[in-house]
Amino acid sequence: MTMSRGLILTAAVCAALLAAGTVDAKGSKKKRAAQVAPAPSAAMVTPQAGGPAGMAGTPAPGRLDGEPLVLRYFDDIDADRNGQLSRTEITVWVDKAREEFRARLMAQFQAADSNGDGQLSREEARAGAPHLYEHFEFVDANGDGQVSLAELAQLRDREQLRQRVLERVRQADQNRDGKLDLAEVQVAFPGLAARFTLLDRDGDGYLTPDDLGRHLGGF
């Protein structure tokens, strides 16, 4: 059984979130040739490079500095050190990466809450919680200009997150074409505007709900 593309990309997204923070990873940087399991197995999979090539000057999806993220973090994921990744190993590692990211986000939240009211304004997030600032409009469920701990907790519900992304895109989509160009993103999601090219996976000049949902998957 081969690893699904979605699972590879999920691991890659979590690895990217870890790499963007301050947590050190022990992943080996040695290049591994893609391995083929001796026989199809219900549990074992081997590393694959994920995603199409990115735009010039931009890392391809699932890559960091030109290196496939799954390869960079292979040793961390491969808990039994047998040179192959099982679905269980990947699931455990992805869950751990998400929890570590959430813990760092919570620490940022508390440090950035300058007035101690248990909420972050957009300016507080900009100053002290940059990752949260990038996604502020998605996290601010009631649109009151403040992000609470309860709103952060709601992001654990994947279906609720998907519906929120769809609704925010619908509100920002001025020409009703079902996708967002750079001008629409700059107005509706200023924190994400600087990442537009990176998020635009196919380089067509637009962001779709899938593009934004994939980026928010780390929450």
N, C-alpha and C. Protein backbone atom coordinates (compact mmCIF):
# COMPACT_ATOMS: atom_id res chain seq x y z
N MET A 1 0.85 -1.19 0.00
CA MET A 1 0.00 0.00 0.00
C MET A 1 0.88 1.23 0.00
N THR A 2 0.66 2.15 -0.90
CA THR A 2 1.49 3.34 -0.97
C THR A 2 0.86 4.46 -0.16
N MET A 3 1.68 5.40 0.25
CA MET A 3 1.20 6.52 1.02
C MET A 3 0.37 7.43 0.14
N SER A 4 -0.78 7.87 0.64
CA SER A 4 -1.62 8.76 -0.15
C SER A 4 -0.95 10.12 -0.27
N ARG A 5 -1.25 10.80 -1.37
CA ARG A 5 -0.68 12.14 -1.58
C ARG A 5 -1.13 13.08 -0.48
N GLY A 6 -2.41 12.92 -0.05
CA GLY A 6 -2.91 13.81 0.98
C GLY A 6 -2.17 13.66 2.29
N LEU A 7 -1.81 12.42 2.64
CA LEU A 7 -1.09 12.19 3.90
C LEU A 7 0.32 12.74 3.82
N ILE A 8 0.98 12.57 2.67
CA ILE A 8 2.30 13.17 2.47
C ILE A 8 2.22 14.68 2.65
N LEU A 9 1.23 15.32 2.04
CA LEU A 9 1.12 16.77 2.11
C LEU A 9 0.77 17.22 3.52
N THR A 10 -0.03 16.43 4.24
CA THR A 10 -0.32 16.77 5.62
C THR A 10 0.95 16.78 6.45
N ALA A 11 1.77 15.75 6.29
CA ALA A 11 3.05 15.70 7.00
C ALA A 11 3.93 16.87 6.59
N ALA A 12 3.92 17.20 5.30
CA ALA A 12 4.75 18.29 4.81
C ALA A 12 4.30 19.62 5.39
N VAL A 13 3.00 19.85 5.47
CA VAL A 13 2.49 21.10 6.04
C VAL A 13 2.91 21.23 7.49
N CYS A 14 2.75 20.15 8.26
CA CYS A 14 3.16 20.21 9.67
C CYS A 14 4.66 20.43 9.81
N ALA A 15 5.44 19.81 8.94
CA ALA A 15 6.89 20.02 8.98
C ALA A 15 7.22 21.47 8.68
N ALA A 16 6.50 22.07 7.74
CA ALA A 16 6.74 23.47 7.41
C ALA A 16 6.42 24.36 8.59
N LEU A 17 5.35 24.05 9.32
CA LEU A 17 5.00 24.84 10.49
C LEU A 17 6.07 24.72 11.57
N LEU A 18 6.58 23.52 11.78
CA LEU A 18 7.66 23.34 12.75
C LEU A 18 8.90 24.11 12.32
N ALA A 19 9.23 24.02 11.03
CA ALA A 19 10.44 24.68 10.54
C ALA A 19 10.33 26.18 10.67
N ALA A 20 9.11 26.72 10.57
CA ALA A 20 8.93 28.17 10.65
C ALA A 20 9.05 28.67 12.08
N GLY A 21 8.94 27.79 13.06
CA GLY A 21 9.03 28.19 14.45
C GLY A 21 10.41 28.05 15.01
N THR A 22 10.48 27.90 16.33
CA THR A 22 11.78 27.88 16.99
C THR A 22 12.19 26.48 17.43
N VAL A 23 11.30 25.50 17.22
CA VAL A 23 11.62 24.15 17.66
C VAL A 23 12.63 23.53 16.72
N ASP A 24 13.67 22.95 17.29
CA ASP A 24 14.68 22.27 16.49
C ASP A 24 14.19 20.88 16.13
N ALA A 25 14.51 20.42 14.94
CA ALA A 25 14.19 19.06 14.53
C ALA A 25 15.48 18.29 14.35
N LYS A 26 15.45 16.98 14.61
CA LYS A 26 16.64 16.15 14.51
C LYS A 26 16.73 15.47 13.16
N GLY A 27 15.84 15.87 12.22
CA GLY A 27 15.76 15.16 10.95
C GLY A 27 17.10 15.13 10.24
N SER A 28 17.42 13.98 9.70
CA SER A 28 18.64 13.84 8.93
C SER A 28 18.53 14.58 7.62
N LYS A 29 19.61 15.24 7.17
CA LYS A 29 19.61 15.96 5.91
C LYS A 29 20.18 15.14 4.78
N LYS A 30 20.50 13.90 5.08
CA LYS A 30 21.05 13.08 4.00
C LYS A 30 19.94 12.73 3.02
N LYS A 31 20.31 12.63 1.76
CA LYS A 31 19.36 12.31 0.71
C LYS A 31 19.14 10.81 0.69
N ARG A 32 17.88 10.41 0.71
CA ARG A 32 17.56 9.00 0.63
C ARG A 32 16.96 8.72 -0.74
N ALA A 33 17.44 7.67 -1.35
CA ALA A 33 16.80 7.25 -2.59
C ALA A 33 15.44 6.69 -2.25
N ALA A 34 14.43 6.97 -3.09
CA ALA A 34 13.10 6.45 -2.83
C ALA A 34 13.14 4.94 -2.80
N GLN A 35 12.57 4.34 -1.75
CA GLN A 35 12.62 2.91 -1.58
C GLN A 35 11.30 2.30 -2.05
N VAL A 36 11.36 1.09 -2.50
CA VAL A 36 10.17 0.35 -2.89
C VAL A 36 10.02 -0.82 -1.95
N ALA A 37 8.87 -0.91 -1.30
CA ALA A 37 8.67 -2.02 -0.37
C ALA A 37 8.72 -3.33 -1.14
N PRO A 38 9.27 -4.39 -0.56
CA PRO A 38 9.43 -5.65 -1.27
C PRO A 38 8.10 -6.25 -1.69
N ALA A 39 7.03 -5.97 -0.99
CA ALA A 39 5.72 -6.46 -1.37
C ALA A 39 4.69 -5.50 -0.83
N PRO A 40 3.54 -5.34 -1.51
CA PRO A 40 2.51 -4.45 -1.00
C PRO A 40 2.13 -4.84 0.41
N SER A 41 2.01 -3.86 1.27
CA SER A 41 1.69 -4.11 2.67
C SER A 41 0.61 -3.15 3.10
N ALA A 42 -0.21 -3.57 4.02
CA ALA A 42 -1.28 -2.71 4.49
C ALA A 42 -0.76 -1.64 5.43
N ALA A 43 0.48 -1.79 5.90
CA ALA A 43 0.96 -0.85 6.91
C ALA A 43 2.15 -0.03 6.46
N MET A 44 3.00 -0.59 5.60
CA MET A 44 4.28 0.06 5.32
C MET A 44 4.22 0.90 4.06
N VAL A 45 4.88 2.06 4.10
CA VAL A 45 4.99 2.93 2.95
C VAL A 45 6.42 3.43 2.87
N THR A 46 6.79 3.99 1.74
CA THR A 46 8.14 4.52 1.57
C THR A 46 8.07 5.97 1.18
N PRO A 47 9.14 6.77 1.40
CA PRO A 47 9.09 8.19 1.16
C PRO A 47 8.93 8.50 -0.32
N GLN A 48 8.16 9.56 -0.59
CA GLN A 48 7.97 10.05 -1.94
C GLN A 48 8.10 11.56 -1.90
N ALA A 49 8.53 12.17 -2.98
CA ALA A 49 8.52 13.62 -3.07
C ALA A 49 7.11 14.05 -3.38
N GLY A 50 6.61 15.09 -2.70
CA GLY A 50 5.23 15.49 -2.89
C GLY A 50 5.11 16.78 -3.67
N GLY A 51 4.03 16.86 -4.49
CA GLY A 51 3.65 18.12 -5.09
C GLY A 51 4.41 18.44 -6.36
N PRO A 52 3.81 19.28 -7.20
CA PRO A 52 4.44 19.72 -8.43
C PRO A 52 5.51 20.74 -8.16
N ALA A 53 6.33 21.02 -9.14
CA ALA A 53 7.39 22.02 -8.98
C ALA A 53 6.77 23.38 -8.74
N GLY A 54 7.41 24.18 -7.90
CA GLY A 54 6.91 25.51 -7.61
C GLY A 54 7.38 26.51 -8.64
N MET A 55 6.93 27.76 -8.47
CA MET A 55 7.35 28.84 -9.36
C MET A 55 8.81 29.16 -9.11
N ALA A 56 9.41 29.80 -10.07
CA ALA A 56 10.83 30.16 -9.94
C ALA A 56 11.03 30.98 -8.69
N GLY A 57 12.02 30.59 -7.90
CA GLY A 57 12.34 31.31 -6.68
C GLY A 57 11.47 30.95 -5.49
N THR A 58 10.48 30.04 -5.70
CA THR A 58 9.59 29.65 -4.63
C THR A 58 9.68 28.16 -4.41
N PRO A 59 9.89 27.70 -3.16
CA PRO A 59 9.96 26.26 -2.91
C PRO A 59 8.68 25.58 -3.38
N ALA A 60 8.83 24.38 -3.93
CA ALA A 60 7.66 23.62 -4.33
C ALA A 60 6.91 23.16 -3.11
N PRO A 61 5.58 22.92 -3.23
CA PRO A 61 4.83 22.39 -2.10
C PRO A 61 5.48 21.12 -1.58
N GLY A 62 5.55 21.00 -0.26
CA GLY A 62 6.17 19.81 0.32
C GLY A 62 7.67 19.88 0.33
N ARG A 63 8.24 21.06 0.06
CA ARG A 63 9.69 21.20 0.04
C ARG A 63 10.11 22.39 0.88
N LEU A 64 11.32 22.34 1.38
CA LEU A 64 11.91 23.44 2.12
C LEU A 64 13.34 23.60 1.62
N ASP A 65 13.63 24.79 1.05
CA ASP A 65 14.96 25.04 0.51
C ASP A 65 15.35 23.97 -0.51
N GLY A 66 14.38 23.53 -1.31
CA GLY A 66 14.65 22.59 -2.38
C GLY A 66 14.67 21.15 -1.96
N GLU A 67 14.54 20.85 -0.65
CA GLU A 67 14.60 19.48 -0.17
C GLU A 67 13.20 19.02 0.24
N PRO A 68 12.76 17.85 -0.21
CA PRO A 68 11.45 17.36 0.21
C PRO A 68 11.38 17.29 1.73
N LEU A 69 10.31 17.84 2.30
CA LEU A 69 10.21 17.90 3.75
C LEU A 69 10.11 16.51 4.37
N VAL A 70 9.48 15.60 3.69
CA VAL A 70 9.37 14.25 4.23
C VAL A 70 10.75 13.63 4.38
N LEU A 71 11.66 13.94 3.46
CA LEU A 71 13.02 13.43 3.58
C LEU A 71 13.76 14.11 4.71
N ARG A 72 13.56 15.41 4.84
CA ARG A 72 14.27 16.14 5.89
C ARG A 72 13.90 15.62 7.28
N TYR A 73 12.64 15.26 7.46
CA TYR A 73 12.17 14.82 8.77
C TYR A 73 11.97 13.30 8.83
N PHE A 74 12.53 12.60 7.85
CA PHE A 74 12.32 11.15 7.76
C PHE A 74 12.72 10.44 9.05
N ASP A 75 13.90 10.75 9.58
CA ASP A 75 14.39 10.06 10.78
C ASP A 75 13.50 10.31 11.99
N ASP A 76 12.91 11.51 12.09
CA ASP A 76 12.00 11.79 13.19
C ASP A 76 10.73 10.97 13.08
N ILE A 77 10.24 10.81 11.85
CA ILE A 77 8.98 10.09 11.65
C ILE A 77 9.19 8.58 11.79
N ASP A 78 10.35 8.09 11.33
CA ASP A 78 10.64 6.66 11.31
C ASP A 78 11.02 6.18 12.71
N ALA A 79 10.02 5.97 13.55
CA ALA A 79 10.26 5.68 14.96
C ALA A 79 11.00 4.37 15.19
N ASP A 80 10.74 3.36 14.38
CA ASP A 80 11.39 2.07 14.60
C ASP A 80 12.68 1.92 13.80
N ARG A 81 13.08 2.98 13.08
CA ARG A 81 14.36 3.03 12.36
C ARG A 81 14.53 1.86 11.37
N ASN A 82 13.45 1.49 10.69
CA ASN A 82 13.56 0.40 9.72
C ASN A 82 13.66 0.90 8.27
N GLY A 83 13.78 2.21 8.10
CA GLY A 83 13.94 2.77 6.77
C GLY A 83 12.66 2.92 5.98
N GLN A 84 11.54 2.65 6.61
CA GLN A 84 10.25 2.82 5.97
C GLN A 84 9.30 3.55 6.92
N LEU A 85 8.30 4.21 6.35
CA LEU A 85 7.33 4.93 7.16
C LEU A 85 6.00 4.19 7.14
N SER A 86 5.51 3.86 8.31
CA SER A 86 4.18 3.26 8.40
C SER A 86 3.15 4.37 8.56
N ARG A 87 1.91 4.05 8.24
CA ARG A 87 0.84 5.02 8.41
C ARG A 87 0.72 5.45 9.88
N THR A 88 0.92 4.49 10.78
CA THR A 88 0.85 4.82 12.21
C THR A 88 1.94 5.81 12.60
N GLU A 89 3.18 5.59 12.11
CA GLU A 89 4.28 6.50 12.43
C GLU A 89 3.98 7.91 11.92
N ILE A 90 3.45 8.01 10.72
CA ILE A 90 3.14 9.32 10.16
C ILE A 90 2.03 9.99 10.96
N THR A 91 0.98 9.24 11.29
CA THR A 91 -0.13 9.80 12.05
C THR A 91 0.34 10.31 13.41
N VAL A 92 1.16 9.51 14.09
CA VAL A 92 1.67 9.91 15.40
C VAL A 92 2.51 11.18 15.29
N TRP A 93 3.38 11.22 14.26
CA TRP A 93 4.25 12.39 14.09
C TRP A 93 3.46 13.64 13.74
N VAL A 94 2.49 13.50 12.86
CA VAL A 94 1.66 14.64 12.47
C VAL A 94 0.89 15.17 13.68
N ASP A 95 0.30 14.27 14.46
CA ASP A 95 -0.43 14.71 15.66
C ASP A 95 0.50 15.43 16.63
N LYS A 96 1.71 14.89 16.81
CA LYS A 96 2.67 15.53 17.71
C LYS A 96 3.07 16.90 17.19
N ALA A 97 3.29 17.00 15.87
CA ALA A 97 3.68 18.29 15.28
C ALA A 97 2.58 19.32 15.47
N ARG A 98 1.34 18.92 15.29
CA ARG A 98 0.23 19.85 15.48
C ARG A 98 0.14 20.32 16.93
N GLU A 99 0.31 19.38 17.87
CA GLU A 99 0.23 19.75 19.27
C GLU A 99 1.36 20.69 19.66
N GLU A 100 2.57 20.45 19.14
CA GLU A 100 3.69 21.34 19.43
C GLU A 100 3.43 22.73 18.86
N PHE A 101 2.86 22.76 17.65
CA PHE A 101 2.55 24.05 17.04
C PHE A 101 1.50 24.79 17.86
N ARG A 102 0.47 24.07 18.30
CA ARG A 102 -0.58 24.71 19.09
C ARG A 102 -0.03 25.23 20.41
N ALA A 103 0.90 24.48 21.01
CA ALA A 103 1.51 24.92 22.27
C ALA A 103 2.30 26.21 22.05
N ARG A 104 3.05 26.27 20.94
CA ARG A 104 3.80 27.51 20.66
C ARG A 104 2.85 28.67 20.37
N LEU A 105 1.75 28.37 19.65
CA LEU A 105 0.78 29.41 19.35
C LEU A 105 0.14 29.94 20.63
N MET A 106 -0.17 29.03 21.57
CA MET A 106 -0.74 29.44 22.85
C MET A 106 0.24 30.30 23.63
N ALA A 107 1.52 29.93 23.62
CA ALA A 107 2.52 30.73 24.32
C ALA A 107 2.63 32.11 23.70
N GLN A 108 2.59 32.17 22.36
CA GLN A 108 2.61 33.46 21.68
C GLN A 108 1.39 34.28 22.05
N PHE A 109 0.23 33.61 22.08
CA PHE A 109 -1.03 34.30 22.41
C PHE A 109 -0.91 34.98 23.77
N GLN A 110 -0.47 34.23 24.78
CA GLN A 110 -0.38 34.77 26.12
C GLN A 110 0.64 35.90 26.22
N ALA A 111 1.75 35.75 25.50
CA ALA A 111 2.78 36.80 25.54
C ALA A 111 2.31 38.06 24.81
N ALA A 112 1.51 37.89 23.77
CA ALA A 112 1.07 39.02 22.96
C ALA A 112 -0.11 39.77 23.57
N ASP A 113 -0.79 39.14 24.53
CA ASP A 113 -1.97 39.75 25.15
C ASP A 113 -1.53 40.85 26.11
N SER A 114 -1.21 42.00 25.56
CA SER A 114 -0.56 43.06 26.33
C SER A 114 -1.44 43.65 27.43
N ASN A 115 -2.77 43.63 27.23
CA ASN A 115 -3.64 44.19 28.27
C ASN A 115 -4.26 43.12 29.17
N GLY A 116 -3.90 41.85 28.94
CA GLY A 116 -4.33 40.77 29.80
C GLY A 116 -5.82 40.50 29.82
N ASP A 117 -6.52 40.80 28.72
CA ASP A 117 -7.97 40.60 28.71
C ASP A 117 -8.38 39.24 28.14
N GLY A 118 -7.38 38.38 27.83
CA GLY A 118 -7.70 37.06 27.32
C GLY A 118 -8.08 37.03 25.86
N GLN A 119 -7.88 38.15 25.16
CA GLN A 119 -8.16 38.24 23.73
C GLN A 119 -7.01 38.98 23.05
N LEU A 120 -6.89 38.76 21.75
CA LEU A 120 -5.89 39.50 20.98
C LEU A 120 -6.57 40.35 19.94
N SER A 121 -6.22 41.62 19.93
CA SER A 121 -6.66 42.49 18.84
C SER A 121 -5.76 42.24 17.63
N ARG A 122 -6.14 42.77 16.49
CA ARG A 122 -5.31 42.59 15.29
C ARG A 122 -3.92 43.17 15.51
N GLU A 123 -3.84 44.31 16.19
CA GLU A 123 -2.54 44.93 16.41
C GLU A 123 -1.69 44.14 17.39
N GLU A 124 -2.31 43.58 18.43
CA GLU A 124 -1.57 42.72 19.35
C GLU A 124 -1.02 41.50 18.63
N ALA A 125 -1.85 40.92 17.76
CA ALA A 125 -1.41 39.76 17.00
C ALA A 125 -0.26 40.13 16.05
N ARG A 126 -0.38 41.27 15.41
CA ARG A 126 0.68 41.71 14.49
C ARG A 126 2.00 41.86 15.23
N ALA A 127 1.94 42.39 16.45
CA ALA A 127 3.17 42.66 17.21
C ALA A 127 3.75 41.42 17.85
N GLY A 128 2.90 40.50 18.32
CA GLY A 128 3.43 39.41 19.12
C GLY A 128 3.11 38.00 18.69
N ALA A 129 2.18 37.84 17.73
CA ALA A 129 1.79 36.49 17.28
C ALA A 129 1.63 36.51 15.76
N PRO A 130 2.76 36.59 15.05
CA PRO A 130 2.69 36.80 13.60
C PRO A 130 1.92 35.73 12.84
N HIS A 131 2.04 34.46 13.26
CA HIS A 131 1.32 33.41 12.54
C HIS A 131 -0.19 33.59 12.71
N LEU A 132 -0.60 33.94 13.91
CA LEU A 132 -2.01 34.21 14.16
C LEU A 132 -2.48 35.43 13.38
N TYR A 133 -1.63 36.43 13.29
CA TYR A 133 -1.99 37.64 12.52
C TYR A 133 -2.26 37.30 11.06
N GLU A 134 -1.44 36.41 10.49
CA GLU A 134 -1.64 36.03 9.09
C GLU A 134 -3.03 35.46 8.86
N HIS A 135 -3.56 34.76 9.85
CA HIS A 135 -4.83 34.06 9.69
C HIS A 135 -5.95 34.73 10.49
N PHE A 136 -5.75 35.97 10.88
CA PHE A 136 -6.64 36.61 11.85
C PHE A 136 -8.10 36.55 11.42
N GLU A 137 -8.37 36.86 10.16
CA GLU A 137 -9.75 36.93 9.70
C GLU A 137 -10.44 35.57 9.71
N PHE A 138 -9.65 34.50 9.61
CA PHE A 138 -10.22 33.16 9.67
C PHE A 138 -10.48 32.71 11.11
N VAL A 139 -9.60 33.15 12.02
CA VAL A 139 -9.73 32.73 13.41
C VAL A 139 -10.80 33.55 14.13
N ASP A 140 -10.96 34.81 13.76
CA ASP A 140 -11.93 35.70 14.38
C ASP A 140 -13.34 35.32 13.90
N ALA A 141 -13.91 34.33 14.56
CA ALA A 141 -15.16 33.72 14.08
C ALA A 141 -16.33 34.70 14.05
N ASN A 142 -16.43 35.58 15.06
CA ASN A 142 -17.58 36.48 15.11
C ASN A 142 -17.30 37.84 14.49
N GLY A 143 -16.09 38.03 13.97
CA GLY A 143 -15.77 39.27 13.26
C GLY A 143 -15.75 40.51 14.12
N ASP A 144 -15.44 40.34 15.42
CA ASP A 144 -15.44 41.50 16.31
C ASP A 144 -14.09 42.18 16.42
N GLY A 145 -13.11 41.71 15.64
CA GLY A 145 -11.79 42.32 15.69
C GLY A 145 -10.93 41.84 16.83
N GLN A 146 -11.39 40.80 17.55
CA GLN A 146 -10.65 40.20 18.65
C GLN A 146 -10.64 38.69 18.46
N VAL A 147 -9.52 38.05 18.82
CA VAL A 147 -9.44 36.59 18.80
C VAL A 147 -9.36 36.09 20.23
N SER A 148 -10.28 35.22 20.60
CA SER A 148 -10.31 34.66 21.96
C SER A 148 -9.74 33.25 21.96
N LEU A 149 -9.47 32.74 23.16
CA LEU A 149 -9.00 31.36 23.28
C LEU A 149 -10.08 30.39 22.81
N ALA A 150 -11.34 30.73 23.03
CA ALA A 150 -12.43 29.87 22.58
C ALA A 150 -12.44 29.78 21.06
N GLU A 151 -12.16 30.88 20.37
CA GLU A 151 -12.13 30.87 18.91
C GLU A 151 -10.96 30.03 18.40
N LEU A 152 -9.83 30.10 19.12
CA LEU A 152 -8.70 29.25 18.75
C LEU A 152 -9.07 27.77 18.90
N ALA A 153 -9.76 27.45 19.99
CA ALA A 153 -10.12 26.05 20.24
C ALA A 153 -11.06 25.52 19.17
N GLN A 154 -11.89 26.38 18.60
CA GLN A 154 -12.83 25.96 17.57
C GLN A 154 -12.13 25.43 16.31
N LEU A 155 -10.88 25.82 16.12
CA LEU A 155 -10.16 25.41 14.92
C LEU A 155 -9.81 23.93 14.92
N ARG A 156 -10.00 23.26 16.05
CA ARG A 156 -9.77 21.81 16.08
C ARG A 156 -10.85 21.06 15.29
N ASP A 157 -11.99 21.70 15.09
CA ASP A 157 -13.08 21.09 14.33
C ASP A 157 -12.81 21.32 12.85
N ARG A 158 -12.36 20.27 12.14
CA ARG A 158 -11.94 20.44 10.75
C ARG A 158 -13.09 20.88 9.85
N GLU A 159 -14.28 20.35 10.08
CA GLU A 159 -15.42 20.73 9.25
C GLU A 159 -15.81 22.18 9.49
N GLN A 160 -15.76 22.60 10.76
CA GLN A 160 -16.06 23.99 11.07
C GLN A 160 -15.04 24.93 10.42
N LEU A 161 -13.78 24.51 10.43
CA LEU A 161 -12.74 25.30 9.78
C LEU A 161 -12.99 25.40 8.28
N ARG A 162 -13.36 24.28 7.66
CA ARG A 162 -13.64 24.29 6.22
C ARG A 162 -14.79 25.24 5.89
N GLN A 163 -15.84 25.18 6.69
CA GLN A 163 -16.98 26.05 6.43
C GLN A 163 -16.61 27.52 6.63
N ARG A 164 -15.75 27.79 7.61
CA ARG A 164 -15.34 29.17 7.85
C ARG A 164 -14.50 29.71 6.68
N VAL A 165 -13.62 28.86 6.15
CA VAL A 165 -12.82 29.27 4.99
C VAL A 165 -13.74 29.59 3.82
N LEU A 166 -14.71 28.72 3.55
CA LEU A 166 -15.63 28.94 2.44
C LEU A 166 -16.40 30.25 2.61
N GLU A 167 -16.84 30.50 3.84
CA GLU A 167 -17.60 31.72 4.10
C GLU A 167 -16.73 32.97 3.95
N ARG A 168 -15.51 32.92 4.47
CA ARG A 168 -14.63 34.09 4.37
C ARG A 168 -14.25 34.36 2.90
N VAL A 169 -14.02 33.32 2.14
CA VAL A 169 -13.72 33.50 0.72
C VAL A 169 -14.92 34.09 0.00
N ARG A 170 -16.11 33.61 0.31
CA ARG A 170 -17.32 34.14 -0.32
C ARG A 170 -17.47 35.64 -0.02
N GLN A 171 -17.19 36.03 1.22
CA GLN A 171 -17.31 37.44 1.59
C GLN A 171 -16.27 38.31 0.89
N ALA A 172 -15.08 37.75 0.69
CA ALA A 172 -13.98 38.53 0.09
C ALA A 172 -14.02 38.55 -1.43
N ASP A 173 -14.77 37.65 -2.01
CA ASP A 173 -14.80 37.46 -3.47
C ASP A 173 -15.68 38.52 -4.12
N GLN A 174 -15.08 39.66 -4.42
CA GLN A 174 -15.84 40.79 -4.92
C GLN A 174 -16.50 40.54 -6.27
N ASN A 175 -15.84 39.81 -7.16
CA ASN A 175 -16.41 39.58 -8.49
C ASN A 175 -17.14 38.25 -8.61
N ARG A 176 -17.27 37.54 -7.49
CA ARG A 176 -18.06 36.30 -7.42
C ARG A 176 -17.59 35.24 -8.42
N ASP A 177 -16.28 35.09 -8.57
CA ASP A 177 -15.77 34.05 -9.47
C ASP A 177 -15.30 32.81 -8.71
N GLY A 178 -15.50 32.80 -7.37
CA GLY A 178 -15.17 31.63 -6.58
C GLY A 178 -13.71 31.52 -6.19
N LYS A 179 -12.91 32.54 -6.47
CA LYS A 179 -11.49 32.54 -6.11
C LYS A 179 -11.06 33.98 -5.86
N LEU A 180 -9.88 34.15 -5.28
CA LEU A 180 -9.41 35.47 -4.89
C LEU A 180 -8.14 35.85 -5.61
N ASP A 181 -8.12 37.05 -6.18
CA ASP A 181 -6.87 37.56 -6.74
C ASP A 181 -6.12 38.32 -5.65
N LEU A 182 -4.94 38.81 -5.99
CA LEU A 182 -4.09 39.46 -4.99
C LEU A 182 -4.78 40.68 -4.39
N ALA A 183 -5.46 41.47 -5.21
CA ALA A 183 -6.11 42.68 -4.71
C ALA A 183 -7.19 42.33 -3.68
N GLU A 184 -7.95 41.27 -3.94
CA GLU A 184 -8.99 40.86 -3.00
C GLU A 184 -8.37 40.36 -1.70
N VAL A 185 -7.26 39.63 -1.79
CA VAL A 185 -6.59 39.14 -0.58
C VAL A 185 -6.02 40.30 0.22
N GLN A 186 -5.45 41.29 -0.45
CA GLN A 186 -4.88 42.44 0.25
C GLN A 186 -5.93 43.18 1.06
N VAL A 187 -7.15 43.24 0.54
CA VAL A 187 -8.22 43.94 1.24
C VAL A 187 -8.78 43.08 2.39
N ALA A 188 -9.06 41.81 2.10
CA ALA A 188 -9.76 40.96 3.06
C ALA A 188 -8.85 40.29 4.07
N PHE A 189 -7.65 39.89 3.63
CA PHE A 189 -6.73 39.12 4.49
C PHE A 189 -5.33 39.73 4.39
N PRO A 190 -5.14 40.94 4.91
CA PRO A 190 -3.85 41.61 4.76
C PRO A 190 -2.67 40.82 5.31
N GLY A 191 -2.91 40.02 6.35
CA GLY A 191 -1.81 39.25 6.91
C GLY A 191 -1.29 38.17 5.99
N LEU A 192 -2.13 37.71 5.06
CA LEU A 192 -1.73 36.65 4.13
C LEU A 192 -1.19 37.18 2.81
N ALA A 193 -1.35 38.46 2.56
CA ALA A 193 -1.00 39.00 1.25
C ALA A 193 0.46 38.74 0.87
N ALA A 194 1.36 38.83 1.85
CA ALA A 194 2.78 38.63 1.57
C ALA A 194 3.09 37.20 1.15
N ARG A 195 2.21 36.27 1.48
CA ARG A 195 2.42 34.85 1.14
C ARG A 195 1.63 34.43 -0.10
N PHE A 196 1.07 35.38 -0.79
CA PHE A 196 0.18 35.04 -1.91
C PHE A 196 0.86 34.12 -2.92
N THR A 197 2.07 34.45 -3.33
CA THR A 197 2.76 33.65 -4.35
C THR A 197 3.02 32.23 -3.85
N LEU A 198 3.38 32.09 -2.58
CA LEU A 198 3.63 30.77 -2.02
C LEU A 198 2.35 29.95 -1.95
N LEU A 199 1.25 30.59 -1.59
CA LEU A 199 -0.02 29.87 -1.47
C LEU A 199 -0.62 29.53 -2.83
N ASP A 200 -0.29 30.32 -3.84
CA ASP A 200 -0.83 30.09 -5.19
C ASP A 200 -0.07 28.93 -5.82
N ARG A 201 -0.46 27.71 -5.49
CA ARG A 201 0.31 26.52 -5.83
C ARG A 201 0.47 26.32 -7.33
N ASP A 202 -0.57 26.65 -8.10
CA ASP A 202 -0.47 26.41 -9.55
C ASP A 202 -0.04 27.65 -10.32
N GLY A 203 0.24 28.74 -9.61
CA GLY A 203 0.76 29.94 -10.25
C GLY A 203 -0.20 30.62 -11.20
N ASP A 204 -1.52 30.47 -10.98
CA ASP A 204 -2.49 31.06 -11.89
C ASP A 204 -2.94 32.44 -11.48
N GLY A 205 -2.39 32.96 -10.37
CA GLY A 205 -2.73 34.30 -9.92
C GLY A 205 -3.97 34.38 -9.05
N TYR A 206 -4.47 33.22 -8.59
CA TYR A 206 -5.66 33.19 -7.76
C TYR A 206 -5.47 32.21 -6.59
N LEU A 207 -6.19 32.48 -5.50
CA LEU A 207 -6.25 31.54 -4.39
C LEU A 207 -7.67 30.99 -4.30
N THR A 208 -7.78 29.69 -4.17
CA THR A 208 -9.07 29.02 -4.03
C THR A 208 -9.31 28.67 -2.56
N PRO A 209 -10.53 28.28 -2.20
CA PRO A 209 -10.75 27.81 -0.83
C PRO A 209 -9.84 26.64 -0.46
N ASP A 210 -9.53 25.77 -1.42
CA ASP A 210 -8.62 24.65 -1.14
C ASP A 210 -7.23 25.15 -0.79
N ASP A 211 -6.73 26.17 -1.52
CA ASP A 211 -5.41 26.73 -1.23
C ASP A 211 -5.36 27.26 0.20
N LEU A 212 -6.40 28.01 0.59
CA LEU A 212 -6.43 28.61 1.91
C LEU A 212 -6.65 27.55 2.99
N GLY A 213 -7.51 26.58 2.72
CA GLY A 213 -7.76 25.52 3.69
C GLY A 213 -6.54 24.71 3.95
N ARG A 214 -5.74 24.45 2.89
CA ARG A 214 -4.50 23.68 3.05
C ARG A 214 -3.52 24.44 3.94
N HIS A 215 -3.45 25.76 3.74
CA HIS A 215 -2.53 26.57 4.55
C HIS A 215 -2.96 26.61 6.00
N LEU A 216 -4.27 26.58 6.24
CA LEU A 216 -4.78 26.62 7.60
C LEU A 216 -4.75 25.25 8.27
N GLY A 217 -4.41 24.22 7.53
CA GLY A 217 -4.44 22.87 8.08
C GLY A 217 -3.58 22.68 9.31
N GLY A 218 -2.51 23.49 9.45
CA GLY A 218 -1.63 23.33 10.60
C GLY A 218 -2.27 23.65 11.92
N PHE A 219 -3.39 24.40 11.90
CA PHE A 219 -4.07 24.70 13.15
C PHE A 219 -4.72 23.45 13.71
